[in-house]
């Protein structure tokens, strides 16, 4: 265990930086690149199925990497009275950890469950087999108007999906901020 004032060994510094970089890279890839590339290549139902398999792994990896980042940072930077920068960084690590936890435990599974319920209704009406989320737009609008159960599913899915996206975006911002701060202060990592 680190004692107060001892700088972390170089191996710990490298490990901490790798974990932080892994988190950020994964967040950027899954949040901004993979989905946009995939949605143009597969049907809506295939896209949902892929996300249902990918997101639990993604959220658990984020949970683990955020926990490790917080633990390593706290072990080597926590003092009796941390300064403002240390307090802010610890808060950012903690918020990112909480957002990943909410997604892993609550919002991700709820959105996936509702997505599969919506999928069954869509299949009954012959929807979801075209490539692109914008495909069959009129059919989805008509289904939403005609089927109150589907409309309720869509509203509930939108709520959970929106909360999941918000948590993910907050996590990306926290990780990005910590990575920038780390890059600007490499000697104090």
C-alpha atoms as a PDB file:
ATOM      1  CA  UNK A   1       0.000   0.000   0.000  1.00  0.00           C
ATOM      2  CA  UNK A   2       1.190   3.461  -0.791  1.00  0.00           C
ATOM      3  CA  UNK A   3       2.120   5.765   2.017  1.00  0.00           C
ATOM      4  CA  UNK A   4       1.411   9.451   1.972  1.00  0.00           C
ATOM      5  CA  UNK A   5       3.793  11.365  -0.219  1.00  0.00           C
ATOM      6  CA  UNK A   6       5.220   8.314  -2.024  1.00  0.00           C
ATOM      7  CA  UNK A   7       4.944   8.661  -5.792  1.00  0.00           C
ATOM      8  CA  UNK A   8       3.490   5.648  -7.577  1.00  0.00           C
ATOM      9  CA  UNK A   9       5.985   3.254  -9.180  1.00  0.00           C
ATOM     10  CA  UNK A  10       6.387   3.593 -12.945  1.00  0.00           C
ATOM     11  CA  UNK A  11       4.573   0.298 -13.537  1.00  0.00           C
ATOM     12  CA  UNK A  12       1.544   1.612 -11.634  1.00  0.00           C
ATOM     13  CA  UNK A  13       1.656   4.859 -13.622  1.00  0.00           C
ATOM     14  CA  UNK A  14       1.702   2.955 -16.907  1.00  0.00           C
ATOM     15  CA  UNK A  15      -1.073   0.616 -15.746  1.00  0.00           C
ATOM     16  CA  UNK A  16      -3.225   3.556 -14.647  1.00  0.00           C
ATOM     17  CA  UNK A  17      -2.718   5.345 -17.953  1.00  0.00           C
ATOM     18  CA  UNK A  18      -3.472   2.180 -19.954  1.00  0.00           C
ATOM     19  CA  UNK A  19      -6.701   1.540 -18.035  1.00  0.00           C
ATOM     20  CA  UNK A  20      -7.804   5.143 -18.447  1.00  0.00           C
ATOM     21  CA  UNK A  21      -6.960   5.070 -22.177  1.00  0.00           C
ATOM     22  CA  UNK A  22      -8.758   1.746 -22.594  1.00  0.00           C
ATOM     23  CA  UNK A  23     -11.905   3.204 -20.998  1.00  0.00           C
ATOM     24  CA  UNK A  24     -11.832   6.301 -23.146  1.00  0.00           C
ATOM     25  CA  UNK A  25     -11.129   4.448 -26.375  1.00  0.00           C
ATOM     26  CA  UNK A  26     -13.866   1.927 -25.732  1.00  0.00           C
ATOM     27  CA  UNK A  27     -16.348   4.673 -24.873  1.00  0.00           C
ATOM     28  CA  UNK A  28     -15.572   6.661 -28.004  1.00  0.00           C
ATOM     29  CA  UNK A  29     -15.695   3.599 -30.239  1.00  0.00           C
ATOM     30  CA  UNK A  30     -18.946   2.151 -28.887  1.00  0.00           C
ATOM     31  CA  UNK A  31     -20.678   5.516 -28.427  1.00  0.00           C
ATOM     32  CA  UNK A  32     -19.775   7.341 -31.605  1.00  0.00           C
ATOM     33  CA  UNK A  33     -18.360   4.990 -34.225  1.00  0.00           C
ATOM     34  CA  UNK A  34     -19.521   1.364 -34.030  1.00  0.00           C
ATOM     35  CA  UNK A  35     -23.241   2.076 -33.906  1.00  0.00           C
ATOM     36  CA  UNK A  36     -23.193   4.498 -36.815  1.00  0.00           C
ATOM     37  CA  UNK A  37     -21.198   2.061 -38.925  1.00  0.00           C
ATOM     38  CA  UNK A  38     -23.316  -0.953 -37.983  1.00  0.00           C
ATOM     39  CA  UNK A  39     -26.733   0.640 -38.444  1.00  0.00           C
ATOM     40  CA  UNK A  40     -26.004   1.147 -42.134  1.00  0.00           C
ATOM     41  CA  UNK A  41     -24.993  -2.469 -42.675  1.00  0.00           C
ATOM     42  CA  UNK A  42     -27.624  -4.623 -40.941  1.00  0.00           C
ATOM     43  CA  UNK A  43     -31.368  -4.760 -40.345  1.00  0.00           C
ATOM     44  CA  UNK A  44     -32.967  -2.983 -37.404  1.00  0.00           C
ATOM     45  CA  UNK A  45     -33.601  -6.249 -35.555  1.00  0.00           C
ATOM     46  CA  UNK A  46     -30.046  -7.468 -36.109  1.00  0.00           C
ATOM     47  CA  UNK A  47     -28.760  -4.114 -34.863  1.00  0.00           C
ATOM     48  CA  UNK A  48     -30.830  -4.480 -31.683  1.00  0.00           C
ATOM     49  CA  UNK A  49     -29.655  -8.048 -31.171  1.00  0.00           C
ATOM     50  CA  UNK A  50     -25.984  -7.027 -31.561  1.00  0.00           C
ATOM     51  CA  UNK A  51     -26.452  -4.198 -29.053  1.00  0.00           C
ATOM     52  CA  UNK A  52     -28.147  -6.579 -26.612  1.00  0.00           C
ATOM     53  CA  UNK A  53     -25.021  -8.752 -26.658  1.00  0.00           C
ATOM     54  CA  UNK A  54     -22.446  -5.946 -26.824  1.00  0.00           C
ATOM     55  CA  UNK A  55     -23.759  -3.539 -24.193  1.00  0.00           C
ATOM     56  CA  UNK A  56     -23.623  -5.810 -21.120  1.00  0.00           C
ATOM     57  CA  UNK A  57     -19.959  -6.556 -21.879  1.00  0.00           C
ATOM     58  CA  UNK A  58     -19.286  -2.883 -22.607  1.00  0.00           C
ATOM     59  CA  UNK A  59     -20.891  -1.709 -19.360  1.00  0.00           C
ATOM     60  CA  UNK A  60     -19.092  -4.337 -17.275  1.00  0.00           C
ATOM     61  CA  UNK A  61     -15.730  -3.452 -18.843  1.00  0.00           C
ATOM     62  CA  UNK A  62     -16.412   0.210 -18.103  1.00  0.00           C
ATOM     63  CA  UNK A  63     -17.417  -0.617 -14.554  1.00  0.00           C
ATOM     64  CA  UNK A  64     -14.204  -2.554 -13.997  1.00  0.00           C
ATOM     65  CA  UNK A  65     -11.906  -0.024 -15.623  1.00  0.00           C
ATOM     66  CA  UNK A  66     -13.507   2.923 -13.821  1.00  0.00           C
ATOM     67  CA  UNK A  67     -13.202   1.077 -10.513  1.00  0.00           C
ATOM     68  CA  UNK A  68      -9.520   0.336 -11.158  1.00  0.00           C
ATOM     69  CA  UNK A  69      -8.861   3.957 -12.179  1.00  0.00           C
ATOM     70  CA  UNK A  70     -10.563   5.272  -9.058  1.00  0.00           C
ATOM     71  CA  UNK A  71      -8.778   2.790  -6.787  1.00  0.00           C
ATOM     72  CA  UNK A  72      -5.313   3.467  -8.228  1.00  0.00           C
ATOM     73  CA  UNK A  73      -5.838   7.214  -8.177  1.00  0.00           C
ATOM     74  CA  UNK A  74      -7.135   7.148  -4.590  1.00  0.00           C
ATOM     75  CA  UNK A  75      -4.307   4.911  -3.413  1.00  0.00           C
ATOM     76  CA  UNK A  76      -1.628   7.300  -4.626  1.00  0.00           C
ATOM     77  CA  UNK A  77      -3.280  10.705  -4.408  1.00  0.00           C
ATOM     78  CA  UNK A  78      -5.609  10.656  -1.435  1.00  0.00           C
ATOM     79  CA  UNK A  79      -4.356  12.674   1.463  1.00  0.00           C
ATOM     80  CA  UNK A  80      -5.938  13.925   4.643  1.00  0.00           C
ATOM     81  CA  UNK A  81      -6.951  17.100   2.843  1.00  0.00           C
ATOM     82  CA  UNK A  82      -6.899  16.578  -0.917  1.00  0.00           C
ATOM     83  CA  UNK A  83      -6.505  19.713  -2.978  1.00  0.00           C
ATOM     84  CA  UNK A  84      -9.178  20.961  -5.378  1.00  0.00           C
ATOM     85  CA  UNK A  85      -7.731  19.171  -8.412  1.00  0.00           C
ATOM     86  CA  UNK A  86      -7.511  15.822  -6.616  1.00  0.00           C
ATOM     87  CA  UNK A  87     -11.038  16.186  -5.290  1.00  0.00           C
ATOM     88  CA  UNK A  88     -12.345  17.032  -8.759  1.00  0.00           C
ATOM     89  CA  UNK A  89     -10.552  14.087 -10.371  1.00  0.00           C
ATOM     90  CA  UNK A  90     -11.787  11.675  -7.694  1.00  0.00           C
ATOM     91  CA  UNK A  91     -15.314  13.006  -8.239  1.00  0.00           C
ATOM     92  CA  UNK A  92     -14.984  12.493 -12.005  1.00  0.00           C
ATOM     93  CA  UNK A  93     -13.778   8.908 -11.529  1.00  0.00           C
ATOM     94  CA  UNK A  94     -16.609   8.271  -9.083  1.00  0.00           C
ATOM     95  CA  UNK A  95     -19.291   9.784 -11.337  1.00  0.00           C
ATOM     96  CA  UNK A  96     -18.037   7.739 -14.308  1.00  0.00           C
ATOM     97  CA  UNK A  97     -18.169   4.620 -12.129  1.00  0.00           C
ATOM     98  CA  UNK A  98     -21.723   5.393 -11.020  1.00  0.00           C
ATOM     99  CA  UNK A  99     -22.906   6.072 -14.575  1.00  0.00           C
ATOM    100  CA  UNK A 100     -21.459   2.759 -15.788  1.00  0.00           C
ATOM    101  CA  UNK A 101     -23.088   1.025 -12.816  1.00  0.00           C
ATOM    102  CA  UNK A 102     -26.495   2.542 -13.575  1.00  0.00           C
ATOM    103  CA  UNK A 103     -26.190   1.438 -17.182  1.00  0.00           C
ATOM    104  CA  UNK A 104     -25.004  -2.058 -16.283  1.00  0.00           C
ATOM    105  CA  UNK A 105     -27.608  -2.677 -13.602  1.00  0.00           C
ATOM    106  CA  UNK A 106     -30.652  -0.651 -14.569  1.00  0.00           C
ATOM    107  CA  UNK A 107     -30.944   1.262 -17.817  1.00  0.00           C
ATOM    108  CA  UNK A 108     -29.190  -1.134 -20.212  1.00  0.00           C
ATOM    109  CA  UNK A 109     -31.124  -4.273 -19.179  1.00  0.00           C
ATOM    110  CA  UNK A 110     -34.447  -2.381 -19.052  1.00  0.00           C
ATOM    111  CA  UNK A 111     -33.974  -0.902 -22.533  1.00  0.00           C
ATOM    112  CA  UNK A 112     -32.975  -4.305 -23.912  1.00  0.00           C
ATOM    113  CA  UNK A 113     -35.982  -6.042 -22.380  1.00  0.00           C
ATOM    114  CA  UNK A 114     -38.379  -3.489 -23.842  1.00  0.00           C
ATOM    115  CA  UNK A 115     -36.581  -3.567 -27.200  1.00  0.00           C
ATOM    116  CA  UNK A 116     -37.250  -7.310 -27.457  1.00  0.00           C
ATOM    117  CA  UNK A 117     -40.944  -6.749 -26.609  1.00  0.00           C
ATOM    118  CA  UNK A 118     -41.133  -4.105 -29.341  1.00  0.00           C
ATOM    119  CA  UNK A 119     -39.375  -6.454 -31.710  1.00  0.00           C
ATOM    120  CA  UNK A 120     -42.067  -9.118 -31.288  1.00  0.00           C
ATOM    121  CA  UNK A 121     -44.823  -6.632 -32.138  1.00  0.00           C
ATOM    122  CA  UNK A 122     -42.814  -5.380 -35.120  1.00  0.00           C
ATOM    123  CA  UNK A 123     -42.330  -8.938 -36.386  1.00  0.00           C
ATOM    124  CA  UNK A 124     -46.094  -9.522 -36.221  1.00  0.00           C
ATOM    125  CA  UNK A 125     -46.501  -6.558 -38.569  1.00  0.00           C
ATOM    126  CA  UNK A 126     -43.624  -7.509 -40.893  1.00  0.00           C
ATOM    127  CA  UNK A 127     -41.313  -4.706 -39.788  1.00  0.00           C
ATOM    128  CA  UNK A 128     -37.620  -4.665 -38.883  1.00  0.00           C
ATOM    129  CA  UNK A 129     -36.140  -6.631 -41.766  1.00  0.00           C
ATOM    130  CA  UNK A 130     -34.718  -3.751 -43.778  1.00  0.00           C
ATOM    131  CA  UNK A 131     -31.258  -2.251 -43.422  1.00  0.00           C
ATOM    132  CA  UNK A 132     -31.015   1.086 -41.618  1.00  0.00           C
ATOM    133  CA  UNK A 133     -32.945   2.544 -38.715  1.00  0.00           C
ATOM    134  CA  UNK A 134     -34.769   4.918 -41.068  1.00  0.00           C
ATOM    135  CA  UNK A 135     -36.078   2.073 -43.239  1.00  0.00           C
ATOM    136  CA  UNK A 136     -39.836   1.421 -43.121  1.00  0.00           C
ATOM    137  CA  UNK A 137     -40.404   4.732 -41.343  1.00  0.00           C
ATOM    138  CA  UNK A 138     -44.038   4.945 -42.421  1.00  0.00           C
ATOM    139  CA  UNK A 139     -44.739   1.410 -41.226  1.00  0.00           C
ATOM    140  CA  UNK A 140     -43.372   2.176 -37.757  1.00  0.00           C
ATOM    141  CA  UNK A 141     -45.363   5.415 -37.558  1.00  0.00           C
ATOM    142  CA  UNK A 142     -48.546   3.601 -38.581  1.00  0.00           C
ATOM    143  CA  UNK A 143     -47.896   0.819 -36.062  1.00  0.00           C
ATOM    144  CA  UNK A 144     -47.371   3.349 -33.296  1.00  0.00           C
ATOM    145  CA  UNK A 145     -50.643   5.096 -34.145  1.00  0.00           C
ATOM    146  CA  UNK A 146     -52.664   1.865 -34.339  1.00  0.00           C
ATOM    147  CA  UNK A 147     -51.230  -0.205 -31.468  1.00  0.00           C
ATOM    148  CA  UNK A 148     -51.412   1.306 -27.955  1.00  0.00           C
ATOM    149  CA  UNK A 149     -49.241  -1.497 -26.553  1.00  0.00           C
ATOM    150  CA  UNK A 150     -46.493  -0.740 -29.059  1.00  0.00           C
ATOM    151  CA  UNK A 151     -46.828   3.005 -28.385  1.00  0.00           C
ATOM    152  CA  UNK A 152     -46.369   2.353 -24.636  1.00  0.00           C
ATOM    153  CA  UNK A 153     -43.343   0.134 -25.335  1.00  0.00           C
ATOM    154  CA  UNK A 154     -41.842   2.803 -27.584  1.00  0.00           C
ATOM    155  CA  UNK A 155     -42.327   5.523 -24.977  1.00  0.00           C
ATOM    156  CA  UNK A 156     -40.822   3.359 -22.225  1.00  0.00           C
ATOM    157  CA  UNK A 157     -37.948   2.306 -24.476  1.00  0.00           C
ATOM    158  CA  UNK A 158     -37.267   5.944 -25.362  1.00  0.00           C
ATOM    159  CA  UNK A 159     -37.094   6.849 -21.681  1.00  0.00           C
ATOM    160  CA  UNK A 160     -34.663   4.058 -20.745  1.00  0.00           C
ATOM    161  CA  UNK A 161     -32.613   4.463 -23.921  1.00  0.00           C
ATOM    162  CA  UNK A 162     -32.380   8.217 -23.333  1.00  0.00           C
ATOM    163  CA  UNK A 163     -31.304   7.738 -19.697  1.00  0.00           C
ATOM    164  CA  UNK A 164     -28.740   5.156 -20.787  1.00  0.00           C
ATOM    165  CA  UNK A 165     -27.358   7.532 -23.426  1.00  0.00           C
ATOM    166  CA  UNK A 166     -27.225  10.368 -20.894  1.00  0.00           C
ATOM    167  CA  UNK A 167     -25.318   8.212 -18.398  1.00  0.00           C
ATOM    168  CA  UNK A 168     -22.962   7.094 -21.144  1.00  0.00           C
ATOM    169  CA  UNK A 169     -22.354  10.671 -22.295  1.00  0.00           C
ATOM    170  CA  UNK A 170     -21.661  11.822 -18.733  1.00  0.00           C
ATOM    171  CA  UNK A 171     -19.203   8.924 -18.389  1.00  0.00           C
ATOM    172  CA  UNK A 172     -17.474   9.894 -21.644  1.00  0.00           C
ATOM    173  CA  UNK A 173     -17.153  13.492 -20.458  1.00  0.00           C
ATOM    174  CA  UNK A 174     -15.747  12.402 -17.075  1.00  0.00           C
ATOM    175  CA  UNK A 175     -13.237  10.033 -18.672  1.00  0.00           C
ATOM    176  CA  UNK A 176     -12.225  12.597 -21.306  1.00  0.00           C
ATOM    177  CA  UNK A 177     -11.695  15.241 -18.644  1.00  0.00           C
ATOM    178  CA  UNK A 178      -9.559  12.889 -16.551  1.00  0.00           C
ATOM    179  CA  UNK A 179      -7.560  11.827 -19.592  1.00  0.00           C
ATOM    180  CA  UNK A 180      -6.912  15.446 -20.571  1.00  0.00           C
ATOM    181  CA  UNK A 181      -5.884  16.324 -17.029  1.00  0.00           C
ATOM    182  CA  UNK A 182      -3.602  13.276 -16.928  1.00  0.00           C
ATOM    183  CA  UNK A 183      -2.021  14.237 -20.259  1.00  0.00           C
ATOM    184  CA  UNK A 184      -1.399  17.789 -19.071  1.00  0.00           C
ATOM    185  CA  UNK A 185       0.135  16.575 -15.808  1.00  0.00           C
ATOM    186  CA  UNK A 186       2.028  13.424 -16.774  1.00  0.00           C
ATOM    187  CA  UNK A 187       4.715  13.996 -14.147  1.00  0.00           C
ATOM    188  CA  UNK A 188       2.112  13.793 -11.350  1.00  0.00           C
ATOM    189  CA  UNK A 189       0.193  10.777 -12.618  1.00  0.00           C
END
